[in-house]
Amino acid sequence: MITLYPEPELRNSVINTPSFARRNNEDDKNEHVAMTPQQIKIEAGRILSGGLSQRVWRILDLLATGGVLSGEKLPTVSDRKMREWCQIRLFERLSVETEDLQAQMGEFKLLDEKSIYLLGPVGVEIAAIRHGALPPSGYQAYTPMRIMHDIATNEIVLRLAEMIGSRGWTVDWLGKYEATLTDKSGRTILEPDAVIRFRKDGEDGGDGAFVLEYHNEDWQTRAAFKVEKYERAFSDGNWCEQWEVETFPPVLVSFLKPIVGAGYQNATKGKKLNCVYYGKTFKSVLEGNLDEWVNIAKGMKRENILPGGQTK
């Protein structure tokens, strides 16, 4: 989990690569040279003993939660410094070409010219120590469509968090692994793309959460599968303890293709539901109207659902 808002004040101190982590062997400058588990643990211990700046911790936490992010979504760091931190395997640049990734989004331009980053093997080790769980990984082997699913999901999370946070709410982000629900026997029953929690003190405050599902496929059948999963999770899941919420959060469903929205309509029509499902196209998210979503099971009624926004 990472608190996105209020944003921390990151001191503009120089980020130095610890001298003990520098290597003279030219081969070790290759970001993708394989490391043994023992080498990873040793390197992580060396880096931690030297300390990390607030800015680098922030980058590590963002990637540990979101898995993969464009450089423009990370705290500002010079290209030279990012290269140094990639050389000591804290981070990695994604090897898939940006053009191949962008092709998955059709008309929607989502990536700039900056590199796409993920945790390197040493960063994964440090993140596991810090958060008590393994972060998302495997992106170097994923297809462009699979990678863009997570990049788009993260884009939605960050835009929602910015809107809610700008209204004075504290916003937490639980990534897909932290958001995974189990039943009372410990078996996985639901794997949302993310959970966003928010809270605010005072008379106009309170607390709440949203569960996020993003779909980039162009068929209906997965929608019905997801509704079935959520309805079961409401009854069988340890969501109260695992998400630290008092009521089951509304499910925000965003989709690249409208046919997915039709799938959710068909899956919820005429049924007695435990969960509330709101829908919105990814195009609409990018256009910035984040308050208004349609209540899928209530005749696609438009509702303003974000905290602090105008109600209907």
Protein backbone atom coordinates (compact mmCIF):
# COMPACT_ATOMS: atom_id res chain seq x y z
CA MET A 1 0.00 0.00 0.00
CA ILE A 2 1.06 3.56 -0.65
CA THR A 3 -0.50 6.84 0.47
CA LEU A 4 -0.86 8.93 -2.68
CA TYR A 5 -2.36 12.03 -1.03
CA PRO A 6 -1.31 14.14 0.68
CA GLU A 7 1.86 13.90 -1.37
CA PRO A 8 5.06 13.85 0.68
CA GLU A 9 7.48 16.74 0.47
CA LEU A 10 10.54 15.18 -1.13
CA ARG A 11 13.68 17.07 -0.26
CA ASN A 12 15.82 17.98 -3.24
CA SER A 13 18.88 16.33 -1.79
CA VAL A 14 21.39 14.74 -4.13
CA ILE A 15 20.69 11.05 -4.66
CA ASN A 16 24.04 9.35 -4.54
CA THR A 17 24.72 5.80 -5.56
CA PRO A 18 26.49 4.33 -2.49
CA SER A 19 30.15 3.69 -3.14
CA PHE A 20 29.88 0.12 -1.89
CA ALA A 21 27.27 -0.57 -4.57
CA ARG A 22 29.42 0.61 -7.48
CA ARG A 23 31.13 -2.07 -9.52
CA ASN A 24 34.14 -1.98 -11.78
CA ASN A 25 33.14 -4.91 -13.94
CA GLU A 26 31.71 -3.54 -17.19
CA ASP A 27 29.39 -6.53 -17.53
CA ASP A 28 27.65 -5.55 -14.32
CA LYS A 29 26.47 -2.31 -15.91
CA ASN A 30 24.01 -4.31 -17.98
CA GLU A 31 20.66 -3.86 -16.29
CA HIS A 32 19.47 -7.33 -17.26
CA VAL A 33 22.47 -9.46 -16.19
CA ALA A 34 21.06 -12.39 -14.22
CA MET A 35 21.66 -12.40 -10.47
CA THR A 36 21.43 -15.35 -8.14
CA PRO A 37 19.07 -15.14 -5.14
CA GLN A 38 22.09 -14.88 -2.86
CA GLN A 39 23.55 -11.99 -4.87
CA ILE A 40 20.21 -10.19 -4.75
CA LYS A 41 19.99 -10.51 -0.97
CA ILE A 42 23.57 -9.32 -0.49
CA GLU A 43 23.10 -6.33 -2.77
CA ALA A 44 19.81 -5.40 -1.09
CA GLY A 45 21.52 -5.50 2.31
CA ARG A 46 24.36 -3.32 1.09
CA ILE A 47 22.05 -0.72 -0.38
CA LEU A 48 19.83 -0.64 2.70
CA SER A 49 22.85 -0.22 4.97
CA GLY A 50 23.81 2.87 3.00
CA GLY A 51 20.31 4.32 3.10
CA LEU A 52 17.91 5.56 0.43
CA SER A 53 16.63 9.08 -0.07
CA GLN A 54 12.95 9.93 0.36
CA ARG A 55 12.67 10.36 -3.41
CA VAL A 56 14.00 6.89 -4.16
CA TRP A 57 11.81 5.33 -1.48
CA ARG A 58 8.82 7.02 -3.13
CA ILE A 59 9.73 5.60 -6.55
CA LEU A 60 10.23 2.16 -5.04
CA ASP A 61 6.86 2.27 -3.24
CA LEU A 62 5.02 3.43 -6.36
CA LEU A 63 6.48 0.61 -8.46
CA ALA A 64 5.93 -1.93 -5.67
CA THR A 65 2.22 -1.01 -5.70
CA GLY A 66 1.58 -0.34 -9.38
CA GLY A 67 4.09 -2.74 -10.90
CA VAL A 68 4.93 -0.69 -13.99
CA LEU A 69 4.85 3.09 -14.57
CA SER A 70 6.03 5.63 -17.08
CA GLY A 71 8.81 7.91 -15.92
CA GLU A 72 6.43 10.86 -16.06
CA LYS A 73 4.37 9.30 -13.26
CA LEU A 74 7.38 9.01 -10.94
CA PRO A 75 9.01 11.73 -8.82
CA THR A 76 11.40 13.80 -10.90
CA VAL A 77 14.87 12.28 -11.15
CA SER A 78 17.52 12.99 -13.75
CA ASP A 79 18.08 10.40 -16.48
CA ARG A 80 21.62 9.96 -15.24
CA LYS A 81 20.51 9.12 -11.72
CA MET A 82 17.87 6.67 -12.96
CA ARG A 83 20.55 4.94 -15.03
CA GLU A 84 22.72 4.62 -11.93
CA TRP A 85 19.90 3.12 -9.92
CA CYS A 86 19.08 0.75 -12.75
CA GLN A 87 22.73 -0.33 -12.86
CA ILE A 88 22.58 -1.43 -9.23
CA ARG A 89 19.33 -3.26 -10.05
CA LEU A 90 16.92 -1.23 -7.93
CA PHE A 91 14.88 -0.44 -11.03
CA GLU A 92 14.69 -1.63 -14.63
CA ARG A 93 13.66 -0.05 -17.89
CA LEU A 94 11.01 -2.06 -19.70
CA SER A 95 12.53 -3.65 -22.79
CA VAL A 96 9.27 -3.62 -24.81
CA GLU A 97 9.12 -0.76 -27.33
CA THR A 98 6.80 2.11 -26.43
CA GLU A 99 5.29 2.00 -29.93
CA ASP A 100 4.27 -1.63 -29.43
CA LEU A 101 2.63 -0.75 -26.14
CA GLN A 102 0.83 2.29 -27.49
CA ALA A 103 -0.57 0.20 -30.37
CA GLN A 104 -2.71 -1.61 -27.81
CA MET A 105 -4.55 1.61 -26.96
CA GLY A 106 -5.74 2.49 -30.47
CA GLU A 107 -6.80 6.12 -30.60
CA PHE A 108 -5.91 6.82 -26.97
CA LYS A 109 -2.41 8.16 -26.50
CA LEU A 110 -1.32 7.16 -23.02
CA LEU A 111 2.46 7.13 -23.12
CA ASP A 112 4.96 9.89 -23.70
CA GLU A 113 8.55 9.41 -24.83
CA LYS A 114 9.87 8.62 -21.36
CA SER A 115 11.02 5.16 -20.41
CA ILE A 116 8.71 2.68 -18.69
CA TYR A 117 10.05 1.48 -15.35
CA LEU A 118 9.56 -1.48 -13.04
CA LEU A 119 11.43 -2.84 -10.04
CA GLY A 120 14.71 -4.59 -10.67
CA PRO A 121 15.55 -7.79 -8.75
CA VAL A 122 17.18 -5.85 -5.90
CA GLY A 123 14.22 -3.48 -5.79
CA VAL A 124 11.84 -6.46 -5.59
CA GLU A 125 13.82 -7.80 -2.62
CA ILE A 126 13.78 -4.47 -0.80
CA ALA A 127 10.07 -3.94 -1.55
CA ALA A 128 9.27 -7.41 -0.16
CA ILE A 129 11.12 -6.54 3.05
CA ARG A 130 9.43 -3.14 3.29
CA HIS A 131 5.86 -4.24 2.53
CA GLY A 132 5.91 -7.83 3.73
CA ALA A 133 4.77 -9.22 0.37
CA LEU A 134 6.21 -9.77 -3.09
CA PRO A 135 5.39 -6.92 -5.49
CA PRO A 136 4.10 -7.43 -9.05
CA SER A 137 6.80 -8.70 -11.40
CA GLY A 138 7.33 -10.52 -14.70
CA TYR A 139 6.71 -7.54 -16.97
CA GLN A 140 9.76 -8.15 -19.16
CA ALA A 141 8.06 -11.37 -20.33
CA TYR A 142 4.50 -10.04 -20.64
CA THR A 143 2.79 -9.30 -23.92
CA PRO A 144 2.21 -5.61 -24.78
CA MET A 145 -1.53 -6.08 -24.19
CA ARG A 146 -0.90 -7.44 -20.68
CA ILE A 147 1.52 -4.64 -19.85
CA MET A 148 -0.84 -1.96 -21.11
CA HIS A 149 -3.62 -3.38 -18.94
CA ASP A 150 -1.62 -2.50 -15.85
CA ILE A 151 -0.40 0.84 -17.20
CA ALA A 152 -4.01 1.85 -17.97
CA THR A 153 -5.19 0.61 -14.56
CA ASN A 154 -2.53 2.71 -12.87
CA GLU A 155 -3.54 5.72 -14.94
CA ILE A 156 -7.12 5.41 -13.67
CA VAL A 157 -5.98 5.00 -10.07
CA LEU A 158 -3.68 8.03 -10.20
CA ARG A 159 -6.33 10.23 -11.81
CA LEU A 160 -8.98 9.22 -9.29
CA ALA A 161 -6.54 9.74 -6.43
CA GLU A 162 -5.58 13.18 -7.69
CA MET A 163 -9.21 14.25 -7.92
CA ILE A 164 -10.09 12.93 -4.45
CA GLY A 165 -6.84 14.13 -2.90
CA SER A 166 -7.26 17.65 -4.29
CA ARG A 167 -10.44 17.90 -2.21
CA GLY A 168 -8.56 17.38 1.01
CA TRP A 169 -8.93 13.63 1.44
CA THR A 170 -6.14 11.23 2.36
CA VAL A 171 -5.95 8.60 -0.39
CA ASP A 172 -4.38 5.14 -0.11
CA TRP A 173 -3.71 2.77 -3.00
CA LEU A 174 -3.72 -1.00 -2.58
CA GLY A 175 -2.21 -2.75 -5.59
CA LYS A 176 -3.57 -5.92 -7.13
CA TYR A 177 -1.66 -8.26 -4.82
CA GLU A 178 -2.61 -6.38 -1.65
CA ALA A 179 -6.20 -6.15 -2.86
CA THR A 180 -6.51 -9.92 -3.46
CA LEU A 181 -9.22 -11.42 -1.28
CA THR A 182 -9.24 -14.84 0.30
CA ASP A 183 -11.99 -16.81 1.97
CA LYS A 184 -11.86 -18.04 5.55
CA SER A 185 -9.79 -21.05 4.49
CA GLY A 186 -7.17 -18.83 2.84
CA ARG A 187 -8.14 -19.67 -0.74
CA THR A 188 -8.02 -16.81 -3.26
CA ILE A 189 -11.52 -15.88 -4.41
CA LEU A 190 -11.12 -12.39 -5.90
CA GLU A 191 -8.29 -10.48 -7.56
CA PRO A 192 -9.32 -6.87 -8.19
CA ASP A 193 -7.03 -4.58 -10.14
CA ALA A 194 -6.80 -2.12 -7.25
CA VAL A 195 -8.50 -0.76 -4.15
CA ILE A 196 -8.57 2.97 -3.40
CA ARG A 197 -9.32 4.04 0.17
CA PHE A 198 -9.97 7.61 1.29
CA ARG A 199 -10.61 9.39 4.58
CA LYS A 200 -11.00 12.91 5.90
CA ASP A 201 -11.46 14.38 9.37
CA GLY A 202 -14.02 17.01 10.22
CA GLU A 203 -17.73 17.55 9.72
CA ASP A 204 -17.47 17.20 5.94
CA GLY A 205 -15.27 14.15 6.19
CA GLY A 206 -15.63 10.42 6.68
CA ASP A 207 -14.11 7.42 5.00
CA GLY A 208 -14.79 5.11 2.08
CA ALA A 209 -13.27 3.07 -0.68
CA PHE A 210 -13.63 1.92 -4.27
CA VAL A 211 -12.64 -1.34 -5.91
CA LEU A 212 -11.36 -0.95 -9.47
CA GLU A 213 -11.67 -3.29 -12.44
CA TYR A 214 -10.22 -2.34 -15.82
CA HIS A 215 -11.01 -4.34 -18.98
CA ASN A 216 -9.11 -4.07 -22.28
CA GLU A 217 -10.72 -7.09 -23.98
CA ASP A 218 -13.47 -6.78 -26.60
CA TRP A 219 -15.97 -9.42 -25.50
CA GLN A 220 -18.71 -9.75 -22.86
CA THR A 221 -18.10 -13.08 -21.17
CA ARG A 222 -15.46 -11.96 -18.68
CA ALA A 223 -17.88 -9.40 -17.25
CA ALA A 224 -20.29 -12.12 -16.13
CA PHE A 225 -17.37 -14.03 -14.60
CA LYS A 226 -16.33 -10.94 -12.65
CA VAL A 227 -19.83 -10.25 -11.32
CA GLU A 228 -20.05 -13.84 -10.10
CA LYS A 229 -16.68 -13.44 -8.37
CA TYR A 230 -17.68 -10.22 -6.61
CA GLU A 231 -21.01 -11.59 -5.44
CA ARG A 232 -19.27 -14.58 -3.94
CA ALA A 233 -16.57 -12.43 -2.36
CA PHE A 234 -19.22 -10.32 -0.64
CA SER A 235 -20.52 -13.41 1.13
CA ASP A 236 -17.36 -15.45 1.61
CA GLY A 237 -14.44 -13.02 1.59
CA ASN A 238 -12.55 -11.49 4.48
CA TRP A 239 -12.89 -8.07 2.84
CA CYS A 240 -13.60 -6.17 6.04
CA GLU A 241 -10.28 -7.19 7.57
CA GLN A 242 -8.19 -7.36 4.40
CA TRP A 243 -9.29 -4.03 2.91
CA GLU A 244 -9.88 -2.41 6.31
CA VAL A 245 -13.35 -1.17 5.39
CA GLU A 246 -16.71 -1.37 7.16
CA THR A 247 -18.89 -1.81 4.06
CA PHE A 248 -18.16 -3.49 0.75
CA PRO A 249 -16.89 -0.74 -1.59
CA PRO A 250 -18.62 0.11 -4.86
CA VAL A 251 -17.00 -1.61 -7.83
CA LEU A 252 -15.77 0.85 -10.46
CA VAL A 253 -15.59 -0.83 -13.86
CA SER A 254 -13.72 0.95 -16.65
CA PHE A 255 -13.46 -0.55 -20.11
CA LEU A 256 -11.67 0.16 -23.36
CA LYS A 257 -14.47 -1.34 -25.48
CA PRO A 258 -18.19 -0.54 -24.87
CA ILE A 259 -19.10 -4.21 -25.38
CA VAL A 260 -17.64 -4.93 -21.94
CA GLY A 261 -20.11 -2.50 -20.40
CA ALA A 262 -22.91 -4.34 -22.18
CA GLY A 263 -21.58 -7.54 -20.63
CA TYR A 264 -21.91 -6.08 -17.14
CA GLN A 265 -25.44 -4.90 -17.93
CA ASN A 266 -26.44 -8.39 -19.01
CA ALA A 267 -24.74 -9.99 -16.01
CA THR A 268 -26.56 -7.77 -13.48
CA LYS A 269 -29.94 -7.30 -15.16
CA GLY A 270 -32.89 -8.48 -13.06
CA LYS A 271 -30.67 -10.00 -10.36
CA LYS A 272 -30.60 -9.41 -6.63
CA LEU A 273 -27.08 -8.10 -6.06
CA ASN A 274 -24.92 -7.64 -2.98
CA CYS A 275 -22.48 -5.27 -4.70
CA VAL A 276 -22.94 -1.96 -6.50
CA TYR A 277 -21.34 -1.71 -9.94
CA TYR A 278 -20.51 1.58 -11.63
CA GLY A 279 -19.27 1.79 -15.22
CA LYS A 280 -17.27 4.26 -17.28
CA THR A 281 -15.41 4.03 -20.57
CA PHE A 282 -11.67 4.55 -20.48
CA LYS A 283 -12.15 7.38 -22.98
CA SER A 284 -14.38 9.19 -20.49
CA VAL A 285 -11.78 8.73 -17.76
CA LEU A 286 -9.15 10.36 -19.97
CA GLU A 287 -11.53 13.21 -20.77
CA GLY A 288 -11.55 14.08 -17.07
CA ASN A 289 -15.16 13.72 -15.94
CA LEU A 290 -14.29 11.51 -13.02
CA ASP A 291 -17.16 12.31 -10.67
CA GLU A 292 -19.91 10.90 -12.87
CA TRP A 293 -20.29 7.14 -13.36
CA VAL A 294 -23.31 5.09 -14.44
CA ASN A 295 -24.98 2.71 -12.03
CA ILE A 296 -24.98 -0.42 -14.17
CA ALA A 297 -27.74 -2.33 -12.38
CA LYS A 298 -30.05 0.69 -12.11
CA GLY A 299 -30.79 1.41 -15.73
CA MET A 300 -27.39 3.04 -16.33
CA LYS A 301 -28.41 5.96 -14.14
CA ARG A 302 -25.73 8.64 -13.99
CA GLU A 303 -24.47 9.40 -10.48
CA ASN A 304 -21.73 11.59 -9.05
CA ILE A 305 -19.95 9.24 -6.69
CA LEU A 306 -16.55 10.71 -5.76
CA PRO A 307 -16.29 12.21 -2.27
CA GLY A 308 -16.47 15.98 -2.08
CA GLY A 309 -18.08 16.32 -5.49
CA GLN A 310 -21.49 17.61 -6.41
CA THR A 311 -24.21 15.07 -5.72
CA LYS A 312 -27.16 14.25 -7.92
